[in-house]
Amino acid sequence: FREIEIELKPDQDETMLATLADALQKQANLKPLRTSKLERALFSISSSTFDGEQHVASIQPTMQMAEACRQLWRLQFMQILLAEAGVCHNDADEYIHKMRVALRRARVAMRLFGAYFYPKTMRRFNRMMKRTATLLGGVRDLDIARKKLKKFRQDRQDPPELIELDAHWKAMRKQARYALLS
């Protein structure tokens, strides 16, 4: 395990950082990471479990099914929480997508392992996750539609109808995002 963190001083040039990063990649066979230390730490914490004697880094064949499912859920809920901050404080569509994927995976785990838990509890969590996934889906569908429309418009002169359609979808997305955040 090797990790190097490089930051520029406020008055230094970005090209210096790029040059240093390139040299480290070639000489030490390091690769740049796009995740923060916090994300990696939370992933590490959520991907291990305590089996009664020691911490285990993954699902083991000797684990009870409920414990294996809880470990899967911890991973997905950590992804949901990390994406939630982006959804709440940033308008970028990548966070919507990440949160939606994590919710979908958590719901699949629930369908696969739900029989090992109390049905009443599972129904309540499933309702909450389904509602959130539906709200995320409303925003995500409009993001995709607008991207496809943008690509379609690149090759053509913009007829007024397409400009109006994009403005309408943008307003709809704003309403859908407001509903999601509410």
N, C-alpha and C. Protein backbone atom coordinates (compact mmCIF):
# COMPACT_ATOMS: atom_id res chain seq x y z
N PHE A 1 0.84 -1.18 0.00
CA PHE A 1 0.00 0.00 0.00
C PHE A 1 0.88 1.24 0.00
N ARG A 2 0.78 2.01 -1.06
CA ARG A 2 1.52 3.27 -1.14
C ARG A 2 0.56 4.37 -1.56
N GLU A 3 0.68 5.48 -0.87
CA GLU A 3 -0.16 6.62 -1.22
C GLU A 3 0.63 7.89 -0.96
N ILE A 4 0.59 8.79 -1.91
CA ILE A 4 1.27 10.07 -1.78
C ILE A 4 0.24 11.15 -2.06
N GLU A 5 0.21 12.16 -1.21
CA GLU A 5 -0.69 13.28 -1.41
C GLU A 5 0.14 14.51 -1.75
N ILE A 6 -0.21 15.16 -2.83
CA ILE A 6 0.54 16.34 -3.27
C ILE A 6 -0.43 17.51 -3.37
N GLU A 7 -0.05 18.62 -2.78
CA GLU A 7 -0.84 19.84 -2.88
C GLU A 7 0.09 20.99 -3.25
N LEU A 8 -0.44 21.92 -3.98
CA LEU A 8 0.32 23.11 -4.34
C LEU A 8 0.14 24.19 -3.29
N LYS A 9 1.17 24.97 -3.12
CA LYS A 9 1.04 26.17 -2.30
C LYS A 9 0.21 27.16 -3.10
N PRO A 10 -0.42 28.11 -2.44
CA PRO A 10 -1.32 29.03 -3.15
C PRO A 10 -0.69 29.79 -4.32
N ASP A 11 0.59 30.09 -4.26
CA ASP A 11 1.22 30.90 -5.30
C ASP A 11 1.93 30.08 -6.38
N GLN A 12 1.77 28.75 -6.38
CA GLN A 12 2.49 27.93 -7.36
C GLN A 12 1.62 27.60 -8.56
N ASP A 13 2.30 27.22 -9.64
CA ASP A 13 1.66 26.97 -10.93
C ASP A 13 1.16 25.52 -11.01
N GLU A 14 0.01 25.33 -11.64
CA GLU A 14 -0.60 24.00 -11.82
C GLU A 14 0.28 23.07 -12.65
N THR A 15 1.07 23.62 -13.57
CA THR A 15 1.90 22.77 -14.42
C THR A 15 2.96 22.04 -13.59
N MET A 16 3.41 22.65 -12.49
CA MET A 16 4.38 21.99 -11.62
C MET A 16 3.77 20.71 -11.03
N LEU A 17 2.52 20.79 -10.63
CA LEU A 17 1.83 19.63 -10.06
C LEU A 17 1.68 18.52 -11.11
N ALA A 18 1.30 18.89 -12.32
CA ALA A 18 1.14 17.91 -13.39
C ALA A 18 2.47 17.23 -13.72
N THR A 19 3.55 17.99 -13.76
CA THR A 19 4.87 17.43 -14.04
C THR A 19 5.30 16.45 -12.95
N LEU A 20 5.09 16.83 -11.71
CA LEU A 20 5.45 15.96 -10.59
C LEU A 20 4.59 14.69 -10.59
N ALA A 21 3.31 14.83 -10.85
CA ALA A 21 2.41 13.67 -10.89
C ALA A 21 2.82 12.71 -12.00
N ASP A 22 3.16 13.23 -13.17
CA ASP A 22 3.61 12.38 -14.28
C ASP A 22 4.88 11.61 -13.91
N ALA A 23 5.83 12.30 -13.29
CA ALA A 23 7.08 11.65 -12.90
C ALA A 23 6.83 10.54 -11.88
N LEU A 24 5.97 10.78 -10.91
CA LEU A 24 5.67 9.76 -9.90
C LEU A 24 4.95 8.56 -10.51
N GLN A 25 4.08 8.82 -11.47
CA GLN A 25 3.38 7.72 -12.12
C GLN A 25 4.34 6.82 -12.88
N LYS A 26 5.33 7.42 -13.53
CA LYS A 26 6.29 6.64 -14.31
C LYS A 26 7.30 5.92 -13.43
N GLN A 27 7.85 6.61 -12.45
CA GLN A 27 8.92 6.03 -11.64
C GLN A 27 8.42 5.08 -10.56
N ALA A 28 7.34 5.41 -9.90
CA ALA A 28 6.88 4.60 -8.77
C ALA A 28 5.65 3.76 -9.12
N ASN A 29 5.23 3.82 -10.37
CA ASN A 29 4.05 3.07 -10.82
C ASN A 29 2.82 3.41 -9.97
N LEU A 30 2.65 4.68 -9.67
CA LEU A 30 1.50 5.16 -8.92
C LEU A 30 0.42 5.61 -9.89
N LYS A 31 -0.82 5.51 -9.46
CA LYS A 31 -1.95 5.96 -10.28
C LYS A 31 -2.74 6.99 -9.49
N PRO A 32 -3.22 8.04 -10.16
CA PRO A 32 -3.99 9.05 -9.43
C PRO A 32 -5.35 8.50 -9.01
N LEU A 33 -5.78 8.89 -7.83
CA LEU A 33 -7.09 8.49 -7.32
C LEU A 33 -8.06 9.66 -7.44
N ARG A 34 -9.28 9.36 -7.75
CA ARG A 34 -10.29 10.41 -7.88
C ARG A 34 -11.19 10.48 -6.65
N THR A 35 -10.93 9.63 -5.66
CA THR A 35 -11.74 9.64 -4.45
C THR A 35 -10.96 10.30 -3.33
N SER A 36 -11.69 10.82 -2.37
CA SER A 36 -11.04 11.49 -1.24
C SER A 36 -10.61 10.46 -0.20
N LYS A 37 -9.77 10.90 0.72
CA LYS A 37 -9.35 10.02 1.81
C LYS A 37 -10.56 9.62 2.65
N LEU A 38 -11.49 10.55 2.83
CA LEU A 38 -12.70 10.25 3.60
C LEU A 38 -13.49 9.13 2.93
N GLU A 39 -13.69 9.22 1.61
CA GLU A 39 -14.43 8.17 0.90
C GLU A 39 -13.75 6.82 1.05
N ARG A 40 -12.44 6.78 0.90
CA ARG A 40 -11.72 5.51 1.01
C ARG A 40 -11.79 4.95 2.43
N ALA A 41 -11.71 5.83 3.42
CA ALA A 41 -11.81 5.38 4.82
C ALA A 41 -13.20 4.83 5.11
N LEU A 42 -14.22 5.53 4.66
CA LEU A 42 -15.59 5.06 4.90
C LEU A 42 -15.85 3.75 4.18
N PHE A 43 -15.32 3.61 2.97
CA PHE A 43 -15.48 2.35 2.25
C PHE A 43 -14.79 1.22 3.01
N SER A 44 -13.60 1.48 3.51
CA SER A 44 -12.86 0.47 4.26
C SER A 44 -13.61 0.05 5.51
N ILE A 45 -14.16 1.02 6.22
CA ILE A 45 -14.92 0.72 7.43
C ILE A 45 -16.18 -0.06 7.11
N SER A 46 -16.89 0.35 6.07
CA SER A 46 -18.17 -0.29 5.77
C SER A 46 -18.00 -1.65 5.10
N SER A 47 -16.84 -1.96 4.59
CA SER A 47 -16.65 -3.24 3.91
C SER A 47 -16.14 -4.33 4.83
N SER A 48 -15.93 -4.02 6.11
CA SER A 48 -15.49 -5.06 7.04
C SER A 48 -16.55 -5.26 8.11
N THR A 49 -16.49 -6.40 8.73
CA THR A 49 -17.43 -6.72 9.80
C THR A 49 -16.70 -7.46 10.91
N PHE A 50 -17.30 -7.52 12.05
CA PHE A 50 -16.71 -8.22 13.19
C PHE A 50 -17.39 -9.57 13.33
N ASP A 51 -16.63 -10.64 13.25
CA ASP A 51 -17.22 -11.99 13.28
C ASP A 51 -17.25 -12.60 14.68
N GLY A 52 -17.07 -11.80 15.70
CA GLY A 52 -17.07 -12.30 17.06
C GLY A 52 -15.67 -12.37 17.64
N GLU A 53 -14.68 -12.57 16.79
CA GLU A 53 -13.30 -12.66 17.26
C GLU A 53 -12.40 -11.61 16.62
N GLN A 54 -12.64 -11.30 15.35
CA GLN A 54 -11.77 -10.36 14.64
C GLN A 54 -12.56 -9.67 13.54
N HIS A 55 -11.94 -8.61 12.99
CA HIS A 55 -12.56 -7.92 11.86
C HIS A 55 -12.26 -8.71 10.59
N VAL A 56 -13.28 -8.87 9.76
CA VAL A 56 -13.17 -9.62 8.51
C VAL A 56 -13.43 -8.64 7.37
N ALA A 57 -12.60 -8.70 6.34
CA ALA A 57 -12.65 -7.71 5.27
C ALA A 57 -13.70 -8.00 4.20
N SER A 58 -14.32 -9.14 4.20
CA SER A 58 -15.33 -9.42 3.18
C SER A 58 -16.28 -10.49 3.69
N ILE A 59 -17.26 -10.80 2.89
CA ILE A 59 -18.22 -11.84 3.25
C ILE A 59 -17.51 -13.19 3.25
N GLN A 60 -17.75 -13.95 4.31
CA GLN A 60 -17.11 -15.25 4.48
C GLN A 60 -18.15 -16.36 4.40
N PRO A 61 -17.77 -17.56 3.95
CA PRO A 61 -18.73 -18.66 3.85
C PRO A 61 -19.30 -19.09 5.21
N THR A 62 -18.59 -18.79 6.28
CA THR A 62 -19.07 -19.19 7.61
C THR A 62 -20.03 -18.18 8.23
N MET A 63 -20.22 -17.03 7.58
CA MET A 63 -21.11 -16.01 8.12
C MET A 63 -22.56 -16.44 8.01
N GLN A 64 -23.36 -15.95 8.94
CA GLN A 64 -24.79 -16.14 8.81
C GLN A 64 -25.29 -15.23 7.69
N MET A 65 -26.37 -15.63 7.05
CA MET A 65 -26.89 -14.88 5.90
C MET A 65 -27.24 -13.44 6.27
N ALA A 66 -27.85 -13.25 7.42
CA ALA A 66 -28.23 -11.90 7.83
C ALA A 66 -27.00 -11.00 7.97
N GLU A 67 -25.91 -11.53 8.51
CA GLU A 67 -24.69 -10.73 8.66
C GLU A 67 -24.09 -10.40 7.30
N ALA A 68 -24.11 -11.36 6.38
CA ALA A 68 -23.60 -11.10 5.02
C ALA A 68 -24.42 -10.00 4.35
N CYS A 69 -25.73 -10.04 4.54
CA CYS A 69 -26.58 -9.00 3.95
C CYS A 69 -26.32 -7.64 4.60
N ARG A 70 -26.16 -7.63 5.91
CA ARG A 70 -25.86 -6.36 6.58
C ARG A 70 -24.57 -5.75 6.04
N GLN A 71 -23.61 -6.59 5.72
CA GLN A 71 -22.35 -6.08 5.18
C GLN A 71 -22.59 -5.48 3.79
N LEU A 72 -23.37 -6.15 2.96
CA LEU A 72 -23.70 -5.59 1.65
C LEU A 72 -24.42 -4.25 1.79
N TRP A 73 -25.37 -4.19 2.71
CA TRP A 73 -26.10 -2.95 2.92
C TRP A 73 -25.20 -1.83 3.42
N ARG A 74 -24.29 -2.15 4.32
CA ARG A 74 -23.37 -1.11 4.80
C ARG A 74 -22.62 -0.47 3.65
N LEU A 75 -22.14 -1.30 2.74
CA LEU A 75 -21.42 -0.77 1.57
C LEU A 75 -22.31 0.15 0.74
N GLN A 76 -23.52 -0.31 0.47
CA GLN A 76 -24.42 0.48 -0.37
C GLN A 76 -24.90 1.74 0.34
N PHE A 77 -25.21 1.64 1.63
CA PHE A 77 -25.66 2.82 2.35
C PHE A 77 -24.55 3.84 2.49
N MET A 78 -23.31 3.39 2.58
CA MET A 78 -22.19 4.32 2.60
C MET A 78 -22.12 5.06 1.26
N GLN A 79 -22.31 4.33 0.17
CA GLN A 79 -22.33 4.98 -1.15
C GLN A 79 -23.48 5.96 -1.26
N ILE A 80 -24.63 5.58 -0.71
CA ILE A 80 -25.80 6.47 -0.73
C ILE A 80 -25.49 7.75 0.04
N LEU A 81 -24.90 7.62 1.22
CA LEU A 81 -24.59 8.79 2.03
C LEU A 81 -23.55 9.70 1.37
N LEU A 82 -22.55 9.09 0.75
CA LEU A 82 -21.54 9.89 0.05
C LEU A 82 -22.17 10.64 -1.12
N ALA A 83 -23.05 9.98 -1.86
CA ALA A 83 -23.70 10.63 -3.00
C ALA A 83 -24.71 11.66 -2.54
N GLU A 84 -25.34 11.43 -1.39
CA GLU A 84 -26.36 12.35 -0.89
C GLU A 84 -25.80 13.75 -0.68
N ALA A 85 -24.60 13.84 -0.17
CA ALA A 85 -23.99 15.15 0.03
C ALA A 85 -23.86 15.88 -1.31
N GLY A 86 -23.45 15.15 -2.35
CA GLY A 86 -23.35 15.75 -3.68
C GLY A 86 -24.70 16.14 -4.23
N VAL A 87 -25.71 15.32 -4.01
CA VAL A 87 -27.06 15.62 -4.50
C VAL A 87 -27.59 16.89 -3.83
N CYS A 88 -27.36 17.01 -2.53
CA CYS A 88 -27.90 18.15 -1.78
C CYS A 88 -27.16 19.45 -2.05
N HIS A 89 -25.86 19.38 -2.30
CA HIS A 89 -25.06 20.60 -2.38
C HIS A 89 -24.48 20.88 -3.77
N ASN A 90 -24.83 20.08 -4.75
CA ASN A 90 -24.28 20.24 -6.08
C ASN A 90 -25.34 19.85 -7.09
N ASP A 91 -25.40 20.55 -8.19
CA ASP A 91 -26.42 20.27 -9.20
C ASP A 91 -25.93 19.28 -10.26
N ALA A 92 -24.73 18.75 -10.11
CA ALA A 92 -24.17 17.83 -11.12
C ALA A 92 -24.95 16.52 -11.13
N ASP A 93 -25.16 15.98 -12.32
CA ASP A 93 -25.97 14.77 -12.45
C ASP A 93 -25.25 13.50 -12.00
N GLU A 94 -23.93 13.55 -11.85
CA GLU A 94 -23.20 12.34 -11.46
C GLU A 94 -23.60 11.85 -10.07
N TYR A 95 -23.92 12.75 -9.15
CA TYR A 95 -24.31 12.34 -7.81
C TYR A 95 -25.68 11.68 -7.80
N ILE A 96 -26.58 12.20 -8.61
CA ILE A 96 -27.91 11.60 -8.76
C ILE A 96 -27.73 10.16 -9.24
N HIS A 97 -26.89 9.99 -10.25
CA HIS A 97 -26.66 8.65 -10.82
C HIS A 97 -26.06 7.71 -9.78
N LYS A 98 -25.02 8.16 -9.06
CA LYS A 98 -24.37 7.31 -8.07
C LYS A 98 -25.33 6.90 -6.95
N MET A 99 -26.13 7.84 -6.50
CA MET A 99 -27.07 7.53 -5.42
C MET A 99 -28.14 6.56 -5.91
N ARG A 100 -28.59 6.75 -7.11
CA ARG A 100 -29.62 5.87 -7.67
C ARG A 100 -29.09 4.44 -7.83
N VAL A 101 -27.86 4.30 -8.32
CA VAL A 101 -27.25 2.97 -8.48
C VAL A 101 -27.09 2.29 -7.12
N ALA A 102 -26.62 3.03 -6.11
CA ALA A 102 -26.44 2.45 -4.78
C ALA A 102 -27.78 2.02 -4.19
N LEU A 103 -28.82 2.83 -4.39
CA LEU A 103 -30.15 2.46 -3.91
C LEU A 103 -30.65 1.20 -4.60
N ARG A 104 -30.43 1.12 -5.90
CA ARG A 104 -30.86 -0.06 -6.65
C ARG A 104 -30.16 -1.31 -6.12
N ARG A 105 -28.88 -1.22 -5.86
CA ARG A 105 -28.13 -2.36 -5.34
C ARG A 105 -28.61 -2.75 -3.94
N ALA A 106 -28.89 -1.75 -3.10
CA ALA A 106 -29.39 -2.04 -1.75
C ALA A 106 -30.75 -2.73 -1.82
N ARG A 107 -31.58 -2.31 -2.77
CA ARG A 107 -32.91 -2.93 -2.90
C ARG A 107 -32.80 -4.35 -3.45
N VAL A 108 -31.83 -4.60 -4.31
CA VAL A 108 -31.61 -5.97 -4.80
C VAL A 108 -31.17 -6.86 -3.64
N ALA A 109 -30.27 -6.36 -2.82
CA ALA A 109 -29.83 -7.13 -1.65
C ALA A 109 -31.01 -7.41 -0.73
N MET A 110 -31.91 -6.46 -0.62
CA MET A 110 -33.09 -6.66 0.22
C MET A 110 -33.98 -7.77 -0.35
N ARG A 111 -34.14 -7.78 -1.65
CA ARG A 111 -34.96 -8.85 -2.26
C ARG A 111 -34.30 -10.21 -2.08
N LEU A 112 -32.97 -10.25 -2.21
CA LEU A 112 -32.26 -11.53 -2.09
C LEU A 112 -32.23 -12.06 -0.67
N PHE A 113 -32.02 -11.16 0.31
CA PHE A 113 -31.79 -11.58 1.69
C PHE A 113 -32.91 -11.18 2.65
N GLY A 114 -33.97 -10.55 2.14
CA GLY A 114 -35.03 -10.04 3.01
C GLY A 114 -35.69 -11.08 3.89
N ALA A 115 -35.69 -12.32 3.44
CA ALA A 115 -36.34 -13.39 4.22
C ALA A 115 -35.62 -13.65 5.54
N TYR A 116 -34.41 -13.17 5.71
CA TYR A 116 -33.65 -13.40 6.93
C TYR A 116 -33.89 -12.30 7.97
N PHE A 117 -34.81 -11.37 7.68
CA PHE A 117 -35.11 -10.27 8.58
C PHE A 117 -36.61 -10.19 8.83
N TYR A 118 -37.02 -9.35 9.78
CA TYR A 118 -38.44 -9.18 10.07
C TYR A 118 -39.13 -8.52 8.87
N PRO A 119 -40.20 -9.13 8.35
CA PRO A 119 -40.87 -8.58 7.16
C PRO A 119 -41.37 -7.15 7.34
N LYS A 120 -41.91 -6.84 8.51
CA LYS A 120 -42.44 -5.50 8.75
C LYS A 120 -41.34 -4.44 8.62
N THR A 121 -40.18 -4.74 9.18
CA THR A 121 -39.04 -3.82 9.10
C THR A 121 -38.58 -3.67 7.65
N MET A 122 -38.52 -4.77 6.93
CA MET A 122 -38.08 -4.74 5.53
C MET A 122 -39.03 -3.92 4.67
N ARG A 123 -40.34 -4.08 4.90
CA ARG A 123 -41.32 -3.32 4.11
C ARG A 123 -41.13 -1.82 4.31
N ARG A 124 -40.90 -1.41 5.56
CA ARG A 124 -40.72 0.02 5.85
C ARG A 124 -39.49 0.57 5.14
N PHE A 125 -38.36 -0.14 5.24
CA PHE A 125 -37.15 0.33 4.56
C PHE A 125 -37.31 0.30 3.05
N ASN A 126 -37.97 -0.73 2.54
CA ASN A 126 -38.16 -0.83 1.10
C ASN A 126 -39.02 0.33 0.58
N ARG A 127 -40.06 0.70 1.33
CA ARG A 127 -40.90 1.84 0.93
C ARG A 127 -40.08 3.12 0.86
N MET A 128 -39.25 3.35 1.87
CA MET A 128 -38.43 4.57 1.88
C MET A 128 -37.44 4.58 0.71
N MET A 129 -36.80 3.43 0.49
CA MET A 129 -35.81 3.37 -0.61
C MET A 129 -36.51 3.50 -1.96
N LYS A 130 -37.67 2.90 -2.11
CA LYS A 130 -38.40 2.97 -3.38
C LYS A 130 -38.83 4.41 -3.67
N ARG A 131 -39.32 5.09 -2.64
CA ARG A 131 -39.74 6.48 -2.83
C ARG A 131 -38.55 7.36 -3.24
N THR A 132 -37.43 7.18 -2.57
CA THR A 132 -36.24 7.97 -2.90
C THR A 132 -35.76 7.63 -4.31
N ALA A 133 -35.77 6.34 -4.66
CA ALA A 133 -35.33 5.93 -6.00
C ALA A 133 -36.24 6.52 -7.07
N THR A 134 -37.54 6.59 -6.80
CA THR A 134 -38.49 7.18 -7.76
C THR A 134 -38.19 8.66 -7.96
N LEU A 135 -37.94 9.37 -6.87
CA LEU A 135 -37.62 10.79 -6.97
C LEU A 135 -36.29 11.01 -7.70
N LEU A 136 -35.30 10.18 -7.40
CA LEU A 136 -34.02 10.27 -8.11
C LEU A 136 -34.21 9.98 -9.59
N GLY A 137 -35.05 8.98 -9.89
CA GLY A 137 -35.30 8.60 -11.27
C GLY A 137 -35.93 9.73 -12.08
N GLY A 138 -36.81 10.50 -11.44
CA GLY A 138 -37.42 11.64 -12.13
C GLY A 138 -36.40 12.67 -12.56
N VAL A 139 -35.43 12.92 -11.70
CA VAL A 139 -34.37 13.89 -12.03
C VAL A 139 -33.42 13.28 -13.06
N ARG A 140 -33.03 12.05 -12.85
CA ARG A 140 -32.07 11.38 -13.74
C ARG A 140 -32.62 11.24 -15.15
N ASP A 141 -33.90 10.89 -15.29
CA ASP A 141 -34.50 10.75 -16.63
C ASP A 141 -34.45 12.06 -17.40
N LEU A 142 -34.69 13.16 -16.70
CA LEU A 142 -34.62 14.46 -17.37
C LEU A 142 -33.19 14.84 -17.71
N ASP A 143 -32.23 14.46 -16.87
CA ASP A 143 -30.82 14.69 -17.19
C ASP A 143 -30.45 13.97 -18.48
N ILE A 144 -30.84 12.72 -18.60
CA ILE A 144 -30.53 11.92 -19.79
C ILE A 144 -31.22 12.50 -21.02
N ALA A 145 -32.49 12.87 -20.87
CA ALA A 145 -33.22 13.44 -21.99
C ALA A 145 -32.56 14.72 -22.48
N ARG A 146 -32.14 15.58 -21.56
CA ARG A 146 -31.49 16.83 -21.96
C ARG A 146 -30.14 16.58 -22.62
N LYS A 147 -29.38 15.57 -22.14
CA LYS A 147 -28.10 15.24 -22.78
C LYS A 147 -28.32 14.75 -24.21
N LYS A 148 -29.32 13.90 -24.41
CA LYS A 148 -29.61 13.39 -25.75
C LYS A 148 -30.08 14.52 -26.66
N LEU A 149 -30.88 15.41 -26.13
CA LEU A 149 -31.34 16.55 -26.91
C LEU A 149 -30.17 17.44 -27.29
N LYS A 150 -29.26 17.66 -26.38
CA LYS A 150 -28.08 18.48 -26.65
C LYS A 150 -27.24 17.86 -27.77
N LYS A 151 -27.05 16.55 -27.70
CA LYS A 151 -26.29 15.84 -28.74
C LYS A 151 -27.02 15.94 -30.09
N PHE A 152 -28.32 15.80 -30.08
CA PHE A 152 -29.12 15.91 -31.29
C PHE A 152 -29.01 17.31 -31.89
N ARG A 153 -29.00 18.32 -31.04
CA ARG A 153 -28.96 19.71 -31.50
C ARG A 153 -27.59 20.11 -32.05
N GLN A 154 -26.53 19.39 -31.70
CA GLN A 154 -25.18 19.75 -32.16
C GLN A 154 -25.06 19.72 -33.68
N ASP A 155 -25.76 18.80 -34.31
CA ASP A 155 -25.63 18.62 -35.75
C ASP A 155 -26.60 19.49 -36.54
N ARG A 156 -27.46 20.24 -35.88
CA ARG A 156 -28.49 20.99 -36.57
C ARG A 156 -28.53 22.42 -36.08
N GLN A 157 -29.17 23.24 -36.89
CA GLN A 157 -29.48 24.58 -36.40
C GLN A 157 -30.68 24.43 -35.47
N ASP A 158 -30.65 25.19 -34.40
CA ASP A 158 -31.70 25.00 -33.39
C ASP A 158 -33.04 25.57 -33.83
N PRO A 159 -34.00 24.68 -34.13
CA PRO A 159 -35.36 25.20 -34.34
C PRO A 159 -35.91 25.69 -33.00
N PRO A 160 -36.78 26.66 -33.02
CA PRO A 160 -37.32 27.20 -31.77
C PRO A 160 -38.00 26.13 -30.89
N GLU A 161 -38.57 25.13 -31.53
CA GLU A 161 -39.26 24.08 -30.76
C GLU A 161 -38.28 23.32 -29.86
N LEU A 162 -37.07 23.06 -30.36
CA LEU A 162 -36.08 22.34 -29.55
C LEU A 162 -35.57 23.19 -28.40
N ILE A 163 -35.41 24.47 -28.65
CA ILE A 163 -34.99 25.38 -27.58
C ILE A 163 -36.06 25.44 -26.49
N GLU A 164 -37.31 25.51 -26.92
CA GLU A 164 -38.42 25.53 -25.95
C GLU A 164 -38.50 24.21 -25.18
N LEU A 165 -38.30 23.09 -25.88
CA LEU A 165 -38.34 21.78 -25.24
C LEU A 165 -37.25 21.68 -24.18
N ASP A 166 -36.04 22.13 -24.51
CA ASP A 166 -34.95 22.09 -23.55
C ASP A 166 -35.27 22.97 -22.34
N ALA A 167 -35.81 24.14 -22.57
CA ALA A 167 -36.17 25.04 -21.46
C ALA A 167 -37.26 24.40 -20.59
N HIS A 168 -38.22 23.73 -21.23
CA HIS A 168 -39.29 23.06 -20.50
C HIS A 168 -38.72 21.92 -19.64
N TRP A 169 -37.85 21.11 -20.22
CA TRP A 169 -37.24 20.00 -19.47
C TRP A 169 -36.36 20.52 -18.34
N LYS A 170 -35.69 21.64 -18.57
CA LYS A 170 -34.86 22.24 -17.52
C LYS A 170 -35.73 22.66 -16.34
N ALA A 171 -36.88 23.27 -16.63
CA ALA A 171 -37.81 23.68 -15.57
C ALA A 171 -38.38 22.45 -14.85
N MET A 172 -38.69 21.41 -15.60
CA MET A 172 -39.20 20.18 -15.00
C MET A 172 -38.15 19.55 -14.08
N ARG A 173 -36.89 19.57 -14.52
CA ARG A 173 -35.81 19.01 -13.71
C ARG A 173 -35.66 19.79 -12.41
N LYS A 174 -35.77 21.10 -12.52
CA LYS A 174 -35.67 21.93 -11.32
C LYS A 174 -36.76 21.57 -10.32
N GLN A 175 -37.98 21.35 -10.81
CA GLN A 175 -39.09 20.94 -9.93
C GLN A 175 -38.85 19.55 -9.35
N ALA A 176 -38.37 18.63 -10.19
CA ALA A 176 -38.11 17.26 -9.73
C ALA A 176 -37.00 17.25 -8.68
N ARG A 177 -35.98 18.06 -8.88
CA ARG A 177 -34.89 18.13 -7.91
C ARG A 177 -35.37 18.74 -6.61
N TYR A 178 -36.23 19.75 -6.70
CA TYR A 178 -36.79 20.35 -5.49
C TYR A 178 -37.60 19.31 -4.71
N ALA A 179 -38.40 18.51 -5.43
CA ALA A 179 -39.18 17.45 -4.77
C ALA A 179 -38.26 16.43 -4.11
N LEU A 180 -37.19 16.10 -4.78
CA LEU A 180 -36.22 15.15 -4.23
C LEU A 180 -35.59 15.71 -2.95
N LEU A 181 -35.16 16.94 -2.99
CA LEU A 181 -34.51 17.53 -1.82
C LEU A 181 -35.48 17.73 -0.66
N SER A 182 -36.74 17.95 -1.00
CA SER A 182 -37.75 18.09 0.06
C SER A 182 -37.96 16.80 0.77
